[in-house]
N, C-alpha and C. Protein backbone atom coordinates (compact mmCIF):
# COMPACT_ATOMS: atom_id res chain seq x y z
N MET A 1 85.24 81.51 129.90
CA MET A 1 86.34 81.65 130.90
C MET A 1 87.65 81.52 130.36
N LYS A 2 88.51 82.23 130.89
CA LYS A 2 89.95 82.14 130.50
C LYS A 2 90.82 81.21 131.46
N LEU A 3 91.58 80.35 130.94
CA LEU A 3 92.42 79.60 131.72
C LEU A 3 93.86 79.79 131.40
N ALA A 4 94.73 79.61 132.24
CA ALA A 4 96.21 79.43 131.88
C ALA A 4 96.64 77.91 132.12
N ILE A 5 97.56 77.44 131.26
CA ILE A 5 98.05 75.96 131.39
C ILE A 5 99.63 76.30 131.40
N PHE A 6 100.00 76.00 132.60
CA PHE A 6 101.47 76.02 133.02
C PHE A 6 102.11 74.51 133.08
N SER A 7 103.19 74.40 132.94
CA SER A 7 104.04 73.35 133.29
C SER A 7 105.58 73.57 133.48
N ASP A 8 106.01 72.66 134.43
CA ASP A 8 107.51 72.72 134.51
C ASP A 8 108.01 74.13 134.90
N THR A 9 107.46 74.64 136.09
CA THR A 9 108.04 75.75 136.72
C THR A 9 109.41 75.70 137.39
N HIS A 10 109.67 74.50 137.94
CA HIS A 10 110.82 74.09 138.57
C HIS A 10 111.19 75.22 139.55
N ASP A 11 110.48 75.88 140.38
CA ASP A 11 110.80 76.76 141.43
C ASP A 11 111.37 78.05 140.92
N ASN A 12 111.10 78.46 139.50
CA ASN A 12 111.69 79.73 139.05
C ASN A 12 110.48 80.81 139.38
N LEU A 13 110.74 81.39 140.45
CA LEU A 13 109.85 82.36 141.00
C LEU A 13 109.72 83.62 140.14
N ALA A 14 110.81 83.85 139.55
CA ALA A 14 110.86 85.20 138.76
C ALA A 14 110.02 85.11 137.39
N THR A 15 110.10 83.90 136.69
CA THR A 15 109.17 83.69 135.67
C THR A 15 107.84 83.51 135.79
N LEU A 16 107.63 82.81 137.02
CA LEU A 16 106.22 82.58 137.61
C LEU A 16 105.60 83.92 137.89
N LYS A 17 106.27 84.77 138.54
CA LYS A 17 105.59 86.10 138.91
C LYS A 17 105.35 86.85 137.69
N GLN A 18 106.21 86.80 136.65
CA GLN A 18 106.01 87.55 135.52
C GLN A 18 104.79 86.96 134.79
N ALA A 19 104.58 85.74 134.74
CA ALA A 19 103.44 84.97 134.12
C ALA A 19 102.22 85.43 134.95
N LEU A 20 102.17 85.35 136.24
CA LEU A 20 101.06 85.75 137.16
C LEU A 20 100.79 87.19 136.96
N ASP A 21 101.49 88.03 136.88
CA ASP A 21 101.24 89.41 136.71
C ASP A 21 100.50 89.71 135.26
N TRP A 22 100.85 89.02 134.35
CA TRP A 22 100.30 89.06 132.99
C TRP A 22 98.86 88.40 133.15
N LEU A 23 98.69 87.28 133.69
CA LEU A 23 97.45 86.70 133.95
C LEU A 23 96.44 87.74 134.61
N ALA A 24 97.00 88.36 135.74
CA ALA A 24 95.95 89.24 136.32
C ALA A 24 95.59 90.48 135.42
N LYS A 25 96.47 90.81 134.65
CA LYS A 25 96.00 91.94 133.55
C LYS A 25 95.08 91.39 132.65
N GLU A 26 95.20 90.05 132.15
CA GLU A 26 94.28 89.52 131.20
C GLU A 26 93.11 88.90 131.84
N LYS A 27 92.93 88.98 133.21
CA LYS A 27 91.67 88.41 133.87
C LYS A 27 91.53 87.08 133.67
N ILE A 28 92.69 86.30 133.76
CA ILE A 28 92.74 84.78 133.70
C ILE A 28 92.20 84.21 134.99
N GLU A 29 91.24 83.34 134.95
CA GLU A 29 90.26 82.89 136.01
C GLU A 29 90.87 81.57 136.66
N GLU A 30 91.45 80.71 135.99
CA GLU A 30 91.85 79.51 136.54
C GLU A 30 93.23 79.09 135.78
N ILE A 31 93.93 78.28 136.68
CA ILE A 31 95.19 77.67 136.15
C ILE A 31 95.09 76.16 136.34
N ILE A 32 95.61 75.48 135.16
CA ILE A 32 95.90 74.12 135.08
C ILE A 32 97.39 73.99 135.06
N HIS A 33 98.00 73.35 135.90
CA HIS A 33 99.43 73.15 135.96
C HIS A 33 99.82 71.70 135.67
N CYS A 34 100.60 71.41 134.66
CA CYS A 34 101.01 69.96 134.43
C CYS A 34 102.15 69.52 135.04
N GLY A 35 102.37 70.06 136.18
CA GLY A 35 103.49 69.24 137.10
C GLY A 35 104.91 69.84 137.01
N ASP A 36 105.63 69.49 137.95
CA ASP A 36 107.02 69.93 138.15
C ASP A 36 106.92 71.45 138.59
N LEU A 37 105.98 71.74 139.31
CA LEU A 37 105.92 73.11 140.08
C LEU A 37 107.27 73.09 140.99
N ALA A 38 107.37 71.94 141.73
CA ALA A 38 108.59 71.54 142.47
C ALA A 38 108.33 71.60 144.06
N ASN A 39 108.42 72.70 144.74
CA ASN A 39 108.43 72.67 146.17
C ASN A 39 107.23 73.45 146.63
N PRO A 40 106.93 73.08 147.98
CA PRO A 40 105.86 73.84 148.64
C PRO A 40 105.82 75.23 148.70
N ASP A 41 107.12 75.83 148.87
CA ASP A 41 107.21 77.23 148.90
C ASP A 41 106.78 77.87 147.58
N THR A 42 107.10 77.32 146.52
CA THR A 42 106.53 77.74 145.20
C THR A 42 105.04 77.60 145.10
N LEU A 43 104.47 76.72 145.62
CA LEU A 43 103.04 76.48 145.66
C LEU A 43 102.40 77.70 146.53
N ASP A 44 103.13 77.89 147.67
CA ASP A 44 102.54 78.97 148.53
C ASP A 44 102.62 80.38 147.68
N PHE A 45 103.83 80.57 146.82
CA PHE A 45 104.01 81.76 146.04
C PHE A 45 102.75 81.81 145.13
N LEU A 46 102.50 80.84 144.56
CA LEU A 46 101.44 80.59 143.34
C LEU A 46 100.07 81.05 144.08
N ILE A 47 99.79 80.56 145.31
CA ILE A 47 98.55 80.63 145.91
C ILE A 47 98.48 82.15 146.31
N LYS A 48 99.47 82.77 146.83
CA LYS A 48 99.57 84.18 147.31
C LYS A 48 99.29 85.04 146.07
N ASN A 49 99.79 84.78 145.04
CA ASN A 49 99.71 85.64 143.84
C ASN A 49 98.77 85.47 142.80
N PHE A 50 97.83 84.40 142.98
CA PHE A 50 96.55 84.01 141.97
C PHE A 50 95.61 83.75 142.82
N SER A 51 94.40 84.33 142.66
CA SER A 51 93.24 84.17 143.38
C SER A 51 92.15 83.19 143.00
N GLY A 52 92.37 82.48 141.80
CA GLY A 52 91.58 81.49 141.29
C GLY A 52 91.86 80.21 141.60
N PRO A 53 90.92 79.21 141.12
CA PRO A 53 91.26 77.76 141.39
C PRO A 53 92.50 77.45 140.59
N ILE A 54 93.30 76.40 141.21
CA ILE A 54 94.53 75.89 140.63
C ILE A 54 94.28 74.50 140.72
N ASN A 55 94.59 73.64 139.44
CA ASN A 55 94.64 72.18 139.55
C ASN A 55 95.91 71.92 139.05
N LEU A 56 96.57 71.09 139.79
CA LEU A 56 98.03 70.80 139.77
C LEU A 56 98.20 69.05 139.47
N ALA A 57 98.86 68.71 138.45
CA ALA A 57 99.22 67.37 138.26
C ALA A 57 100.44 67.17 138.76
N ARG A 58 100.69 66.05 139.42
CA ARG A 58 101.94 65.85 140.24
C ARG A 58 103.17 65.35 139.06
N GLY A 59 104.39 66.01 139.11
CA GLY A 59 105.24 65.70 138.10
C GLY A 59 106.46 65.02 138.96
N ASN A 60 107.36 64.42 138.25
CA ASN A 60 108.47 63.73 138.67
C ASN A 60 109.44 64.66 139.55
N ALA A 61 109.37 65.74 139.36
CA ALA A 61 110.33 66.79 140.21
C ALA A 61 109.60 67.43 141.25
N ASP A 62 108.32 67.02 141.39
CA ASP A 62 107.54 67.56 142.46
C ASP A 62 107.83 67.06 143.84
N ASN A 63 108.02 67.87 144.99
CA ASN A 63 108.36 67.44 146.30
C ASN A 63 107.09 66.64 146.82
N PRO A 64 107.34 65.60 147.47
CA PRO A 64 106.12 64.79 147.86
C PRO A 64 105.21 65.40 148.92
N GLU A 65 105.79 66.51 149.52
CA GLU A 65 105.06 67.28 150.59
C GLU A 65 103.81 68.31 149.82
N LEU A 66 104.01 68.24 148.52
CA LEU A 66 102.90 68.96 147.86
C LEU A 66 101.42 68.23 148.08
N ALA A 67 100.54 69.11 148.51
CA ALA A 67 99.30 68.42 148.66
C ALA A 67 98.00 69.46 148.32
N SER A 68 96.92 68.86 148.21
CA SER A 68 95.79 69.77 147.97
C SER A 68 95.49 70.68 149.12
N ARG A 69 95.21 71.95 148.87
CA ARG A 69 94.59 72.63 149.99
C ARG A 69 94.06 73.92 149.40
N GLY A 70 92.96 74.45 150.12
CA GLY A 70 92.37 75.67 149.66
C GLY A 70 91.84 75.58 148.29
N ARG A 71 92.24 76.50 147.48
CA ARG A 71 91.93 76.46 146.07
C ARG A 71 92.53 75.62 145.14
N VAL A 72 93.66 74.85 145.79
CA VAL A 72 94.53 73.89 145.07
C VAL A 72 94.06 72.49 145.16
N LYS A 73 93.84 72.06 143.87
CA LYS A 73 93.53 70.42 143.83
C LYS A 73 94.73 69.79 143.18
N LEU A 74 95.40 68.91 143.96
CA LEU A 74 96.44 68.08 143.45
C LEU A 74 96.06 66.84 142.98
N TRP A 75 96.23 66.54 141.73
CA TRP A 75 95.96 65.26 141.10
C TRP A 75 97.24 64.37 140.98
N GLU A 76 97.10 63.14 141.44
CA GLU A 76 98.41 62.25 141.27
C GLU A 76 98.67 61.97 140.01
N GLU A 77 98.00 61.12 139.11
CA GLU A 77 98.66 60.61 137.91
C GLU A 77 98.09 61.62 136.72
N TYR A 78 96.79 61.95 137.01
CA TYR A 78 96.29 62.89 135.94
C TYR A 78 95.00 63.38 136.47
N GLY A 79 94.50 64.51 135.86
CA GLY A 79 93.35 65.18 136.46
C GLY A 79 92.32 65.31 135.13
N GLU A 80 91.03 65.41 135.53
CA GLU A 80 90.04 65.78 134.63
C GLU A 80 89.15 66.88 135.21
N VAL A 81 88.83 67.83 134.35
CA VAL A 81 87.87 68.87 134.77
C VAL A 81 86.99 69.33 133.55
N VAL A 82 85.85 69.69 134.03
CA VAL A 82 84.92 70.18 132.91
C VAL A 82 84.67 71.67 133.13
N VAL A 83 85.11 72.63 132.30
CA VAL A 83 84.98 73.93 132.36
C VAL A 83 83.99 74.39 131.33
N GLU A 84 83.01 75.14 131.69
CA GLU A 84 81.86 75.59 130.63
C GLU A 84 81.66 74.60 129.50
N GLY A 85 81.48 73.25 129.80
CA GLY A 85 81.22 72.39 128.63
C GLY A 85 82.24 71.66 128.13
N LYS A 86 83.54 72.28 128.41
CA LYS A 86 84.73 71.58 127.72
C LYS A 86 85.49 70.72 128.73
N LYS A 87 85.72 69.46 128.25
CA LYS A 87 86.43 68.45 129.06
C LYS A 87 87.74 68.68 128.79
N LEU A 88 88.60 68.92 129.98
CA LEU A 88 90.06 69.11 129.88
C LEU A 88 90.80 67.99 130.85
N ALA A 89 91.58 67.33 130.31
CA ALA A 89 92.55 66.39 131.02
C ALA A 89 93.93 66.87 130.95
N PHE A 90 94.63 66.35 132.13
CA PHE A 90 95.98 67.10 132.19
C PHE A 90 96.81 66.13 133.02
N THR A 91 98.17 66.07 132.78
CA THR A 91 99.05 65.10 133.32
C THR A 91 100.42 65.68 133.10
N HIS A 92 101.36 65.06 133.70
CA HIS A 92 102.86 65.57 133.56
C HIS A 92 103.44 64.75 132.43
N PHE A 93 103.06 63.55 132.33
CA PHE A 93 103.94 62.72 131.43
C PHE A 93 103.29 62.64 130.00
N PRO A 94 104.15 62.58 128.91
CA PRO A 94 103.68 62.42 127.61
C PRO A 94 103.15 61.08 127.28
N GLU A 95 103.46 60.17 127.65
CA GLU A 95 102.88 58.71 127.56
C GLU A 95 101.54 58.73 128.07
N LYS A 96 101.24 59.17 129.29
CA LYS A 96 99.98 59.22 129.81
C LYS A 96 98.89 60.24 128.90
N ALA A 97 99.54 61.32 128.68
CA ALA A 97 98.74 62.16 127.87
C ALA A 97 98.24 61.52 126.61
N LEU A 98 99.30 60.88 125.87
CA LEU A 98 98.82 60.21 124.74
C LEU A 98 97.77 59.14 125.02
N GLU A 99 97.85 58.49 126.04
CA GLU A 99 96.95 57.26 126.46
C GLU A 99 95.65 58.01 126.60
N LEU A 100 95.46 59.15 127.50
CA LEU A 100 94.32 59.78 127.61
C LEU A 100 93.66 60.27 126.49
N ALA A 101 94.50 60.96 125.51
CA ALA A 101 93.98 61.36 124.27
C ALA A 101 93.34 60.36 123.40
N LYS A 102 94.07 59.16 123.47
CA LYS A 102 93.48 57.90 122.62
C LYS A 102 92.21 57.47 123.33
N ASN A 103 92.09 57.47 124.47
CA ASN A 103 90.95 56.69 125.17
C ASN A 103 89.88 57.57 125.94
N SER A 104 90.08 58.87 125.75
CA SER A 104 89.04 59.71 126.46
C SER A 104 88.17 60.35 125.48
N ARG A 105 87.33 61.02 125.99
CA ARG A 105 86.41 61.84 125.23
C ARG A 105 86.72 63.37 125.60
N SER A 106 88.03 63.73 125.99
CA SER A 106 88.41 64.93 126.32
C SER A 106 88.56 66.04 125.03
N ASP A 107 88.23 67.25 125.17
CA ASP A 107 88.44 68.06 124.20
C ASP A 107 89.93 68.40 124.16
N PHE A 108 90.56 68.47 125.06
CA PHE A 108 91.88 68.89 125.38
C PHE A 108 92.65 67.72 126.34
N VAL A 109 93.82 67.52 126.05
CA VAL A 109 94.76 66.79 127.09
C VAL A 109 96.00 67.63 127.10
N PHE A 110 96.21 68.08 128.18
CA PHE A 110 97.49 68.90 128.31
C PHE A 110 98.69 68.19 129.11
N TYR A 111 99.94 68.24 128.69
CA TYR A 111 100.90 67.67 129.47
C TYR A 111 102.14 68.49 129.48
N GLY A 112 103.17 67.93 130.31
CA GLY A 112 104.53 68.66 130.23
C GLY A 112 105.58 67.80 130.04
N HIS A 113 106.58 67.85 130.89
CA HIS A 113 107.88 66.91 131.10
C HIS A 113 108.89 67.27 130.02
N THR A 114 108.61 67.37 128.83
CA THR A 114 109.51 67.70 127.58
C THR A 114 110.20 69.00 127.69
N HIS A 115 109.36 69.97 128.20
CA HIS A 115 109.65 71.34 128.25
C HIS A 115 109.38 72.10 126.79
N LYS A 116 108.96 71.18 125.82
CA LYS A 116 108.89 71.92 124.37
C LYS A 116 107.54 71.95 124.15
N PRO A 117 107.07 73.18 123.69
CA PRO A 117 105.66 73.44 123.45
C PRO A 117 105.34 72.66 122.15
N TRP A 118 104.27 71.97 122.16
CA TRP A 118 103.85 71.12 121.14
C TRP A 118 102.16 71.09 121.04
N GLU A 119 101.62 70.69 119.77
CA GLU A 119 100.19 70.55 119.75
C GLU A 119 100.10 69.53 118.76
N GLU A 120 99.29 68.69 118.78
CA GLU A 120 98.72 67.65 117.71
C GLU A 120 97.37 67.28 118.00
N LYS A 121 96.68 66.62 117.03
CA LYS A 121 95.42 66.18 117.07
C LYS A 121 95.29 64.58 117.19
N ILE A 122 94.64 64.04 118.17
CA ILE A 122 94.51 62.55 118.16
C ILE A 122 92.88 62.43 118.15
N GLY A 123 92.58 61.94 116.92
CA GLY A 123 91.01 61.88 116.80
C GLY A 123 90.48 63.29 116.96
N SER A 124 89.64 63.26 117.77
CA SER A 124 88.95 64.78 118.14
C SER A 124 89.63 65.68 119.19
N THR A 125 90.61 64.94 119.95
CA THR A 125 91.35 65.55 120.97
C THR A 125 92.45 66.37 120.56
N ARG A 126 92.61 67.58 121.16
CA ARG A 126 93.80 68.39 121.10
C ARG A 126 94.73 68.02 121.98
N LEU A 127 95.98 67.53 121.70
CA LEU A 127 97.01 67.06 122.62
C LEU A 127 98.02 68.07 122.72
N VAL A 128 98.27 68.92 123.90
CA VAL A 128 98.96 70.14 123.93
C VAL A 128 99.92 70.17 125.08
N ASN A 129 101.15 70.37 124.78
CA ASN A 129 102.20 70.74 125.82
C ASN A 129 102.51 72.18 125.75
N PRO A 130 102.37 73.04 126.87
CA PRO A 130 102.48 74.41 126.92
C PRO A 130 103.82 74.76 127.03
N GLY A 131 104.78 73.81 126.88
CA GLY A 131 106.29 74.18 127.21
C GLY A 131 106.55 74.31 128.56
N ASN A 132 107.51 75.18 128.96
CA ASN A 132 108.03 75.09 130.31
C ASN A 132 108.06 76.58 130.88
N LEU A 133 107.65 76.83 132.14
CA LEU A 133 107.59 78.10 132.52
C LEU A 133 108.91 78.64 133.14
N ALA A 134 109.81 77.57 133.35
CA ALA A 134 111.10 77.86 134.00
C ALA A 134 112.04 78.52 132.95
N GLY A 135 111.91 78.09 131.66
CA GLY A 135 112.76 78.62 130.56
C GLY A 135 114.06 77.78 130.60
N ILE A 136 113.88 76.54 130.83
CA ILE A 136 115.01 75.45 130.91
C ILE A 136 114.76 74.82 129.47
N VAL A 137 116.08 74.82 128.71
CA VAL A 137 116.21 74.31 127.44
C VAL A 137 115.44 75.23 126.27
N TYR A 138 114.21 75.45 126.54
CA TYR A 138 113.60 76.28 125.57
C TYR A 138 113.07 77.44 126.35
N ARG A 139 112.59 78.44 125.61
CA ARG A 139 112.20 79.59 126.25
C ARG A 139 111.04 79.49 127.18
N ALA A 140 110.83 80.38 128.12
CA ALA A 140 109.78 80.22 129.10
C ALA A 140 108.43 80.41 128.31
N THR A 141 107.59 79.45 128.39
CA THR A 141 106.20 79.58 127.72
C THR A 141 105.06 78.99 128.55
N PHE A 142 103.88 79.30 128.16
CA PHE A 142 102.57 78.80 128.77
C PHE A 142 101.59 78.94 127.75
N ALA A 143 100.33 78.37 127.99
CA ALA A 143 99.26 78.60 127.10
C ALA A 143 98.11 79.25 127.81
N THR A 144 97.28 79.72 126.98
CA THR A 144 95.96 80.25 127.49
C THR A 144 94.72 79.67 126.54
N TYR A 145 93.74 79.50 127.30
CA TYR A 145 92.60 78.86 126.67
C TYR A 145 91.32 79.68 126.99
N ASP A 146 90.49 80.17 126.09
CA ASP A 146 89.38 80.97 126.26
C ASP A 146 88.34 79.95 125.83
N THR A 147 87.42 79.49 126.81
CA THR A 147 86.29 78.65 126.50
C THR A 147 85.26 79.32 125.71
N ALA A 148 85.11 80.51 125.78
CA ALA A 148 83.92 81.31 124.96
C ALA A 148 84.28 81.26 123.56
N SER A 149 85.43 81.63 123.22
CA SER A 149 85.99 81.68 121.74
C SER A 149 86.58 80.19 121.33
N ASP A 150 86.72 79.36 122.14
CA ASP A 150 87.52 78.04 121.91
C ASP A 150 88.81 78.26 121.42
N LYS A 151 89.46 79.46 121.84
CA LYS A 151 90.81 79.77 121.27
C LYS A 151 91.89 79.35 122.26
N LEU A 152 92.83 78.62 121.74
CA LEU A 152 94.19 78.30 122.54
C LEU A 152 95.32 78.86 122.12
N GLU A 153 96.10 79.58 122.93
CA GLU A 153 97.33 80.31 122.44
C GLU A 153 98.56 79.96 123.20
N LEU A 154 99.55 79.83 122.58
CA LEU A 154 100.89 79.75 123.04
C LEU A 154 101.44 81.04 123.48
N LYS A 155 101.89 81.37 124.64
CA LYS A 155 102.48 82.63 124.92
C LYS A 155 103.93 82.42 125.42
N ILE A 156 104.86 83.23 124.73
CA ILE A 156 106.19 83.36 124.96
C ILE A 156 106.44 84.48 125.89
N LEU A 157 106.97 84.07 127.17
CA LEU A 157 106.92 84.98 128.22
C LEU A 157 107.85 86.34 127.88
N GLU A 158 108.98 86.12 127.43
CA GLU A 158 109.80 87.27 127.00
C GLU A 158 109.04 88.28 126.10
N LYS A 159 108.20 87.69 125.14
CA LYS A 159 107.60 88.52 124.30
C LYS A 159 106.33 89.42 125.12
N LEU A 160 105.78 88.90 126.06
CA LEU A 160 104.75 89.55 126.97
C LEU A 160 105.48 90.52 127.94
N ASN A 161 106.51 90.17 128.34
CA ASN A 161 107.30 91.04 129.45
C ASN A 161 108.68 91.14 128.85
N PRO A 162 108.90 92.22 127.94
CA PRO A 162 110.29 92.27 127.24
C PRO A 162 111.43 92.47 128.48
N THR A 163 111.22 92.76 129.57
CA THR A 163 112.28 92.98 130.68
C THR A 163 112.91 91.75 131.10
N ILE A 164 112.63 90.52 130.59
CA ILE A 164 113.32 89.37 130.93
C ILE A 164 114.40 89.04 129.86
């Protein structure tokens, strides 16, 4: 299964749409969003333009009106899912991500907040920040993960869609 890992969209519908268009071409089946999607209208846009399951960790810039609905599961502090035998944890905050990586048996812990793409290994867990989809401070980025090949890749949006 192919997943996309987003963080820090901050209501940037233009970059979100470009990423979602690329996900459709690549047959990405599920999204994990590490918070700061921002407003319910952006969540509605995401739901309208992506047909698979969406797991969303609440971030500090997320509107309190964001809620689980339909294919969207909103996790408050952190979420954990198992996808094809891989245990994936996700949160918005780096401190919580580090705690999860040290204390869990997850294969991956994803997080956001800093907007900076990052990866490190904590024991046997890969701790990964996919960057930010809004393109604030750093380029607009996200990650993909293919459970079949166990391959994680950082995607720089402007290189996928040279029109931005």
